[in-house]
Protein backbone atom coordinates (compact mmCIF):
# COMPACT_ATOMS: atom_id res chain seq x y z
CA MET A 1 101.95 41.02 223.17
CA ARG A 2 101.82 44.82 223.23
CA ASP A 3 99.63 46.66 220.79
CA ASN A 4 102.58 48.35 219.01
CA GLU A 5 104.18 45.04 218.12
CA SER A 6 103.47 43.36 214.80
CA ASN A 7 104.82 39.94 215.73
CA TYR A 8 102.98 37.49 217.94
CA ARG A 9 104.61 36.42 221.19
CA VAL A 10 103.54 33.18 222.79
CA GLN A 11 102.18 33.75 226.27
CA ARG A 12 103.70 31.59 228.99
CA SER A 13 100.29 30.42 230.13
CA ALA A 14 99.36 29.26 226.62
CA ALA A 15 102.70 27.50 226.20
CA ALA A 16 102.31 25.82 229.59
CA VAL A 17 98.84 24.51 228.71
CA CYS A 18 100.06 23.17 225.38
CA LEU A 19 103.05 21.48 226.98
CA ALA A 20 100.79 19.94 229.64
CA LEU A 21 98.51 18.56 226.92
CA ALA A 22 101.50 17.21 224.99
CA LEU A 23 102.77 15.55 228.18
CA LEU A 24 99.33 14.00 228.70
CA GLY A 25 99.58 12.61 225.17
CA VAL A 26 102.99 11.07 225.94
CA VAL A 27 101.67 9.49 229.15
CA SER A 28 98.63 8.14 227.29
CA LEU A 29 100.90 6.76 224.58
CA ALA A 30 103.08 4.96 227.12
CA ALA A 31 100.02 3.55 228.90
CA GLY A 32 98.55 2.42 225.59
CA PHE A 33 101.71 0.60 224.53
CA PHE A 34 101.76 -1.16 227.89
CA LEU A 35 98.08 -2.16 227.88
CA ALA A 36 97.26 -2.73 224.18
CA PRO A 37 100.14 -1.99 221.79
CA GLN A 38 98.35 -3.03 218.58
CA ARG A 39 95.35 -0.85 219.31
CA THR A 40 97.60 2.05 220.35
CA TRP A 41 99.45 2.05 217.02
CA LEU A 42 96.09 2.52 215.33
CA GLY A 43 95.40 5.47 217.64
CA VAL A 44 98.75 6.99 216.69
CA PHE A 45 97.82 6.53 213.04
CA VAL A 46 94.61 8.48 213.66
CA ALA A 47 96.63 11.26 215.34
CA CYS A 48 99.13 11.47 212.48
CA ASN A 49 96.35 11.67 209.87
CA PHE A 50 94.63 14.36 211.95
CA LEU A 51 97.79 16.49 212.13
CA LEU A 52 98.62 15.92 208.48
CA GLY A 53 95.10 16.96 207.48
CA LEU A 54 95.35 20.24 209.40
CA GLY A 55 98.69 21.09 207.84
CA LEU A 56 97.57 20.18 204.34
CA GLY A 57 94.25 21.96 204.75
CA GLY A 58 96.10 25.11 205.80
CA LEU A 59 98.28 24.88 202.70
CA VAL A 60 95.24 24.41 200.45
CA PHE A 61 93.68 27.52 202.05
CA VAL A 62 96.83 29.54 201.29
CA ALA A 63 97.03 28.22 197.73
CA LEU A 64 93.39 29.09 197.08
CA HIS A 65 94.04 32.60 198.44
CA TYR A 66 96.73 33.20 195.81
CA VAL A 67 95.01 31.46 192.90
CA THR A 68 91.72 33.29 193.39
CA GLY A 69 93.32 36.66 194.16
CA ALA A 70 91.18 36.92 197.30
CA LYS A 71 91.43 40.09 199.38
CA TRP A 72 89.18 39.19 202.31
CA SER A 73 91.53 36.43 203.53
CA LEU A 74 94.72 38.52 203.50
CA PRO A 75 94.57 39.73 207.15
CA LEU A 76 94.33 36.15 208.44
CA LEU A 77 96.68 34.52 205.94
CA ARG A 78 99.48 34.02 208.47
CA VAL A 79 97.29 31.58 210.42
CA PRO A 80 96.92 28.89 207.71
CA GLU A 81 100.56 29.49 206.77
CA ALA A 82 101.58 28.71 210.34
CA MET A 83 99.46 25.55 210.24
CA THR A 84 101.73 24.17 207.52
CA ALA A 85 104.51 24.00 210.12
CA VAL A 86 102.92 20.81 211.48
CA LEU A 87 103.62 18.96 208.21
CA PRO A 88 107.16 17.87 209.24
CA VAL A 89 105.84 16.73 212.64
CA ALA A 90 103.06 14.69 211.03
CA ALA A 91 105.51 13.33 208.43
CA ALA A 92 107.85 12.15 211.19
CA GLY A 93 104.95 10.37 212.88
CA MET A 94 103.92 8.75 209.60
CA ALA A 95 107.51 7.60 209.01
CA VAL A 96 107.30 5.62 212.24
CA VAL A 97 103.73 4.34 212.20
CA LEU A 98 103.33 3.34 208.55
CA PRO A 99 106.06 0.65 208.51
CA VAL A 100 104.86 -0.73 211.85
CA LEU A 101 101.25 -1.02 210.71
CA PHE A 102 102.21 -2.32 207.29
CA PHE A 103 104.42 -5.15 208.45
CA GLN A 104 102.76 -6.14 211.72
CA TYR A 105 99.12 -5.28 212.04
CA SER A 106 97.22 -4.23 208.94
CA ALA A 107 95.71 -6.18 206.06
CA TRP A 108 97.75 -4.23 203.47
CA GLY A 109 98.90 -6.52 200.71
CA SER A 110 96.43 -9.31 201.53
CA SER A 111 93.92 -8.48 198.79
CA ALA A 112 92.57 -11.30 196.66
CA VAL A 113 93.01 -9.13 193.55
CA PRO A 114 96.53 -9.56 192.02
CA LEU A 115 96.76 -5.95 190.82
CA ARG A 116 95.96 -4.67 194.30
CA ARG A 117 98.63 -6.92 195.81
CA LEU A 118 101.12 -5.54 193.31
CA TRP A 119 100.11 -1.94 194.10
CA LEU A 120 100.39 -2.56 197.84
CA ASN A 121 103.71 -4.39 197.93
CA PRO A 122 105.90 -2.89 200.71
CA PRO A 123 108.71 -1.13 198.76
CA PHE A 124 106.32 0.47 196.27
CA PHE A 125 103.85 1.43 199.00
CA LEU A 126 106.45 3.10 201.25
CA ALA A 127 108.17 4.82 198.30
CA ARG A 128 104.88 6.37 197.20
CA SER A 129 104.20 7.51 200.76
CA LEU A 130 107.58 9.23 200.86
CA ILE A 131 106.85 10.99 197.56
CA TYR A 132 103.45 12.25 198.76
CA VAL A 133 104.88 13.80 201.91
CA ALA A 134 107.95 15.20 200.14
CA VAL A 135 105.79 16.94 197.51
CA TRP A 136 103.54 18.50 200.16
CA MET A 137 106.43 19.70 202.31
CA ALA A 138 108.36 21.10 199.35
CA PHE A 139 105.38 23.13 198.10
CA GLY A 140 104.54 24.25 201.63
CA ALA A 141 108.08 25.45 202.36
CA ALA A 142 108.35 27.31 199.03
CA ILE A 143 104.97 29.04 199.29
CA VAL A 144 105.44 30.12 202.91
CA ARG A 145 109.01 31.29 202.22
CA ASN A 146 107.87 33.49 199.33
CA SER A 147 105.05 34.93 201.41
CA ARG A 148 107.43 35.88 204.20
CA ARG A 149 109.98 37.32 201.78
CA GLN A 150 107.30 39.72 200.58
CA ASP A 151 107.13 41.12 204.12
CA GLY A 152 110.82 40.84 204.91
CA GLU A 153 111.99 42.86 201.91
CA ARG A 154 109.68 45.75 202.84
CA GLY A 155 108.25 45.90 199.37
CA THR A 156 111.59 46.31 197.51
CA LEU A 157 110.82 43.18 195.50
CA GLY A 158 107.50 44.57 194.37
CA GLY A 159 105.10 41.72 193.82
CA ALA A 160 107.72 39.18 192.71
CA PRO A 161 107.32 36.71 195.63
CA THR A 162 103.56 36.95 195.39
CA GLU A 163 103.63 36.32 191.65
CA ARG A 164 105.80 33.26 192.21
CA ASN A 165 103.33 32.06 194.81
CA LEU A 166 100.50 32.40 192.32
CA ARG A 167 102.26 29.97 189.97
CA LEU A 168 103.39 27.66 192.77
CA SER A 169 99.88 27.55 194.21
CA ALA A 170 98.37 26.58 190.86
CA PHE A 171 100.87 23.73 190.47
CA PHE A 172 100.35 22.67 194.08
CA LEU A 173 96.57 22.40 193.75
CA VAL A 174 96.99 20.09 190.75
CA ALA A 175 99.61 17.99 192.55
CA PHE A 176 97.53 17.95 195.72
CA GLY A 177 94.45 16.68 193.90
CA LEU A 178 96.41 13.67 192.63
CA THR A 179 98.42 12.95 195.79
CA CYS A 180 95.47 13.42 198.14
CA TRP A 181 93.44 10.91 196.15
CA LEU A 182 96.31 8.39 196.00
CA SER A 183 97.35 8.78 199.64
CA SER A 184 93.74 8.42 200.81
CA SER A 185 93.49 5.16 198.87
CA ASP A 186 96.88 3.92 200.04
CA TRP A 187 96.75 4.81 203.72
CA LEU A 188 93.05 4.60 204.58
CA MET A 189 90.92 2.78 202.03
CA SER A 190 93.45 -0.05 201.60
CA LEU A 191 93.19 -0.90 205.30
CA GLU A 192 90.29 -2.98 203.98
CA PRO A 193 91.94 -4.18 200.76
CA ASN A 194 88.93 -6.06 199.42
CA TRP A 195 86.68 -2.99 199.65
CA ALA A 196 86.83 0.01 197.32
CA SER A 197 85.08 3.32 196.72
CA THR A 198 85.84 5.62 193.78
CA ILE A 199 84.74 8.65 195.81
CA TYR A 200 86.88 7.90 198.86
CA GLY A 201 89.63 10.40 198.02
CA VAL A 202 87.10 13.22 197.64
CA TYR A 203 85.48 12.17 200.92
CA ASN A 204 88.79 12.33 202.78
CA PHE A 205 89.57 15.73 201.23
CA SER A 206 86.20 17.11 202.33
CA GLY A 207 86.86 16.13 205.94
CA LEU A 208 90.48 17.29 205.78
CA PHE A 209 89.64 20.77 204.50
CA LEU A 210 86.62 21.12 206.77
CA SER A 211 88.77 20.47 209.84
CA ALA A 212 91.40 22.94 208.60
CA LEU A 213 88.76 25.65 208.19
CA ALA A 214 87.60 24.96 211.73
CA ALA A 215 91.18 25.28 213.02
CA VAL A 216 91.69 28.55 211.12
CA ALA A 217 88.45 29.94 212.57
CA LEU A 218 89.40 29.00 216.14
CA LEU A 219 92.91 30.44 215.88
CA VAL A 220 91.66 33.67 214.29
CA ILE A 221 89.03 34.11 217.00
CA TRP A 222 91.73 33.68 219.63
CA LEU A 223 94.34 35.92 217.97
CA ARG A 224 91.97 38.77 217.07
CA ARG A 225 91.82 39.76 220.73
CA ARG A 226 95.29 41.30 220.32
CA ALA A 227 96.92 43.81 218.01
CA PRO A 228 97.54 43.96 215.11
CA MET A 229 94.91 41.39 214.24
CA ARG A 230 92.33 43.18 216.38
CA ALA A 231 92.27 46.06 213.91
CA ALA A 232 92.62 43.91 210.79
CA VAL A 233 90.02 41.20 211.42
CA ASN A 234 86.39 42.15 211.94
CA ALA A 235 82.98 40.49 212.04
CA ASP A 236 82.90 40.31 208.24
CA HIS A 237 85.94 38.04 208.27
CA LEU A 238 84.30 35.81 210.84
CA HIS A 239 81.19 35.73 208.69
CA ASP A 240 83.24 34.60 205.68
CA LEU A 241 84.92 31.86 207.71
CA GLY A 242 81.53 30.76 209.04
CA ALA A 243 80.11 30.66 205.52
CA LEU A 244 83.01 28.48 204.36
CA LEU A 245 82.57 26.20 207.36
CA PHE A 246 78.85 25.89 206.60
CA ALA A 247 79.51 25.21 202.90
CA PHE A 248 82.16 22.55 203.38
CA SER A 249 80.19 20.89 206.15
CA SER A 250 77.36 20.48 203.66
CA PHE A 251 79.85 19.32 201.01
CA TRP A 252 81.20 16.70 203.43
CA MET A 253 77.67 15.44 204.07
CA TYR A 254 76.91 15.38 200.34
CA ILE A 255 79.95 13.20 199.62
CA TRP A 256 79.21 10.96 202.62
CA PHE A 257 75.63 10.43 201.44
CA CYS A 258 76.67 9.81 197.82
CA GLN A 259 79.05 7.07 198.91
CA TYR A 260 76.54 5.51 201.29
CA LEU A 261 73.58 5.70 198.90
CA LEU A 262 75.35 4.02 196.00
CA ILE A 263 76.63 1.18 198.19
CA TRP A 264 73.22 0.74 199.82
CA TYR A 265 71.39 0.75 196.47
CA VAL A 266 73.68 -1.74 194.70
CA ASN A 267 73.86 -3.93 197.81
CA ASN A 268 76.96 -5.91 196.84
CA PRO A 269 78.17 -7.94 199.85
CA GLU A 270 81.82 -6.95 199.35
CA GLU A 271 80.82 -3.26 199.46
CA THR A 272 78.16 -3.29 202.15
CA ALA A 273 80.60 -4.91 204.59
CA TYR A 274 82.16 -1.48 205.19
CA TYR A 275 78.91 0.05 206.50
CA ARG A 276 77.66 -3.15 208.09
CA GLU A 277 80.67 -3.04 210.40
CA ARG A 278 79.95 0.57 211.35
CA LEU A 279 76.14 0.48 211.55
CA HIS A 280 75.99 -2.39 214.02
CA GLY A 281 77.54 -3.12 217.37
CA PRO A 282 79.66 -0.61 219.30
CA TRP A 283 80.28 1.68 216.30
CA THR A 284 76.64 2.70 215.73
CA VAL A 285 76.76 5.57 218.21
CA TRP A 286 80.05 6.81 216.79
CA LEU A 287 78.70 6.85 213.25
CA PHE A 288 75.75 9.04 214.20
CA LEU A 289 78.04 11.20 216.34
CA ASP A 290 80.18 11.65 213.23
CA LEU A 291 77.19 12.89 211.25
CA ALA A 292 76.09 15.21 214.05
CA LEU A 293 79.48 16.84 214.63
CA ASN A 294 80.51 17.23 211.01
CA TRP A 295 77.19 18.27 209.54
CA ALA A 296 74.01 18.44 211.64
CA VAL A 297 75.24 20.88 214.28
CA PRO A 298 77.20 23.16 211.89
CA PHE A 299 74.30 23.19 209.44
CA VAL A 300 71.66 24.14 211.99
CA VAL A 301 73.73 26.72 213.88
CA LEU A 302 75.49 28.39 210.94
CA LEU A 303 72.28 28.84 208.97
CA PHE A 304 71.91 32.09 210.90
CA ARG A 305 73.94 35.15 209.98
CA SER A 306 74.30 36.18 213.60
CA ALA A 307 75.92 32.85 214.46
CA LYS A 308 78.56 33.27 211.75
CA ARG A 309 79.46 36.69 213.16
CA SER A 310 79.52 35.61 216.80
CA PRO A 311 83.02 34.60 218.01
CA TRP A 312 81.56 32.36 220.72
CA LEU A 313 79.10 30.48 218.51
CA LEU A 314 81.49 30.18 215.57
CA GLY A 315 84.26 29.03 217.91
CA ALA A 316 82.03 26.42 219.54
CA VAL A 317 80.96 25.03 216.16
CA ALA A 318 84.58 24.95 214.95
CA LEU A 319 85.61 23.04 218.07
CA LEU A 320 82.86 20.47 217.47
CA VAL A 321 83.94 20.09 213.83
CA LEU A 322 87.50 19.35 214.93
CA ALA A 323 86.18 16.70 217.31
CA GLY A 324 84.09 15.40 214.41
CA ARG A 325 87.20 15.02 212.25
CA TRP A 326 88.81 12.88 214.94
CA VAL A 327 85.68 10.73 215.14
CA ASP A 328 85.57 10.47 211.34
CA LEU A 329 89.18 9.31 211.13
CA SER A 330 88.56 6.84 213.94
CA LEU A 331 85.64 5.39 211.98
CA MET A 332 87.81 5.09 208.88
CA ILE A 333 90.74 3.43 210.65
CA LEU A 334 89.83 1.64 213.86
CA PRO A 335 87.10 -0.81 212.73
CA THR A 336 89.42 -2.34 210.12
CA GLN A 337 91.64 -4.48 212.31
CA GLY A 338 89.53 -7.37 213.61
CA SER A 339 90.13 -7.99 217.31
CA ALA A 340 91.70 -4.54 217.66
CA SER A 341 88.48 -2.94 216.43
CA GLU A 342 87.42 -1.15 219.60
CA PRO A 343 85.81 2.30 219.84
CA PRO A 344 87.92 5.16 221.22
CA GLY A 345 88.62 5.08 224.95
CA LEU A 346 90.67 6.96 227.54
CA VAL A 347 93.97 6.33 225.78
CA ASP A 348 92.53 7.76 222.56
CA ALA A 349 91.21 10.78 224.43
CA GLY A 350 94.67 11.40 225.90
CA LEU A 351 96.26 11.02 222.47
CA ALA A 352 93.74 13.46 221.00
CA LEU A 353 94.45 16.10 223.65
CA GLY A 354 98.18 15.58 223.27
CA THR A 355 97.91 16.01 219.50
CA VAL A 356 95.98 19.27 219.99
CA GLY A 357 98.69 20.48 222.36
CA VAL A 358 101.44 19.72 219.84
CA PHE A 359 99.47 21.35 217.01
CA VAL A 360 98.80 24.60 218.86
CA LEU A 361 102.38 24.80 220.17
CA VAL A 362 103.87 24.36 216.69
CA VAL A 363 101.46 26.89 215.15
CA LEU A 364 102.16 29.51 217.83
CA TRP A 365 105.91 28.98 217.44
CA SER A 366 105.56 29.53 213.70
CA LEU A 367 103.46 32.67 214.17
CA GLN A 368 106.32 34.28 216.12
CA ARG A 369 108.59 34.23 213.08
CA THR A 370 106.75 36.80 210.98
CA PRO A 371 104.38 39.77 211.33
CA LEU A 372 100.96 38.52 212.35
CA VAL A 373 99.28 40.47 209.54
CA PRO A 374 100.90 40.69 206.07
CA THR A 375 102.27 44.16 205.41
CA HIS A 376 103.53 44.32 201.81
CA GLU A 377 101.30 42.03 199.79
CA PRO A 378 100.42 43.69 196.43
CA VAL A 379 96.83 42.51 196.75
CA GLN A 380 96.36 45.08 199.53
CA THR A 381 96.55 47.85 197.02
């Protein structure tokens, strides 16, 4: 992309790498279905939740920008907006994997509690899932459309689209709080229908938003090498992103510890089973890796101001946090299915790389459709 252009243009080399990663994911998927189909469906479920979390986290970032009236995040706003473009892709994956897991492999609907069985009956379960995704996609499309109209009309609309986004964002954050909690309970916690945690929805949100912040940081670091973002994004913006990454990493650890401590202290067998499965056997290493990637490393490195302002250090930490989100989702999903409860292997690694390729390709495609830096937002003045 030339310096006098305001729109991003995907480089052929970047597109080729993303397509190669996506192809690797397809090959891994085919190999997984041939070798261990049940286990592979669980891996696909991890991938869909990972993509959905990045898209939703990007939308939450945009909504918070409008609700808080933030100015610092304006130059990089197009990045989280572009991340919302993966929502339809993740929704399509969920539309395939949820019915398969529900009817063939998972323990959904097998709870000994009658009310839980009623809540998890197939028609009601799938209808709720459709509503969650539809609400997220509708808000995402409306907010991004208004934001781009503000640029496209060259200011002739004044602040009208931005004002509409302020209202939409406030409504979205309320709707997201409810739907994130319910979808976390439906899709993840209910994989073990006789186990429950009242903080589980908050825990999933903390990991979801943490991974989205990491993705925003990585994409901004990459894009700021070119105009116009080179002039608009400076070390202060990186510092702010690093501070958010540090804060939400600590928040994630706080919620993780709260959940673990209460279950450990009460010591009810039906509750401790969740951690007993993950603290013993092949999952022990993965649990401590989860803690290291999502909290220990970000906490230690990002304590220092210089690290937050360094593109290389901040980018490395963000990459580790994204890997930590994949590990975290694997720990939430994979140990729940009895004989299929195996730690991630080569097929999962291929699926992870393929998912990253799809995510980056969709985001870069979306970035081409609008100026890389907002030009007519009222908040600039």
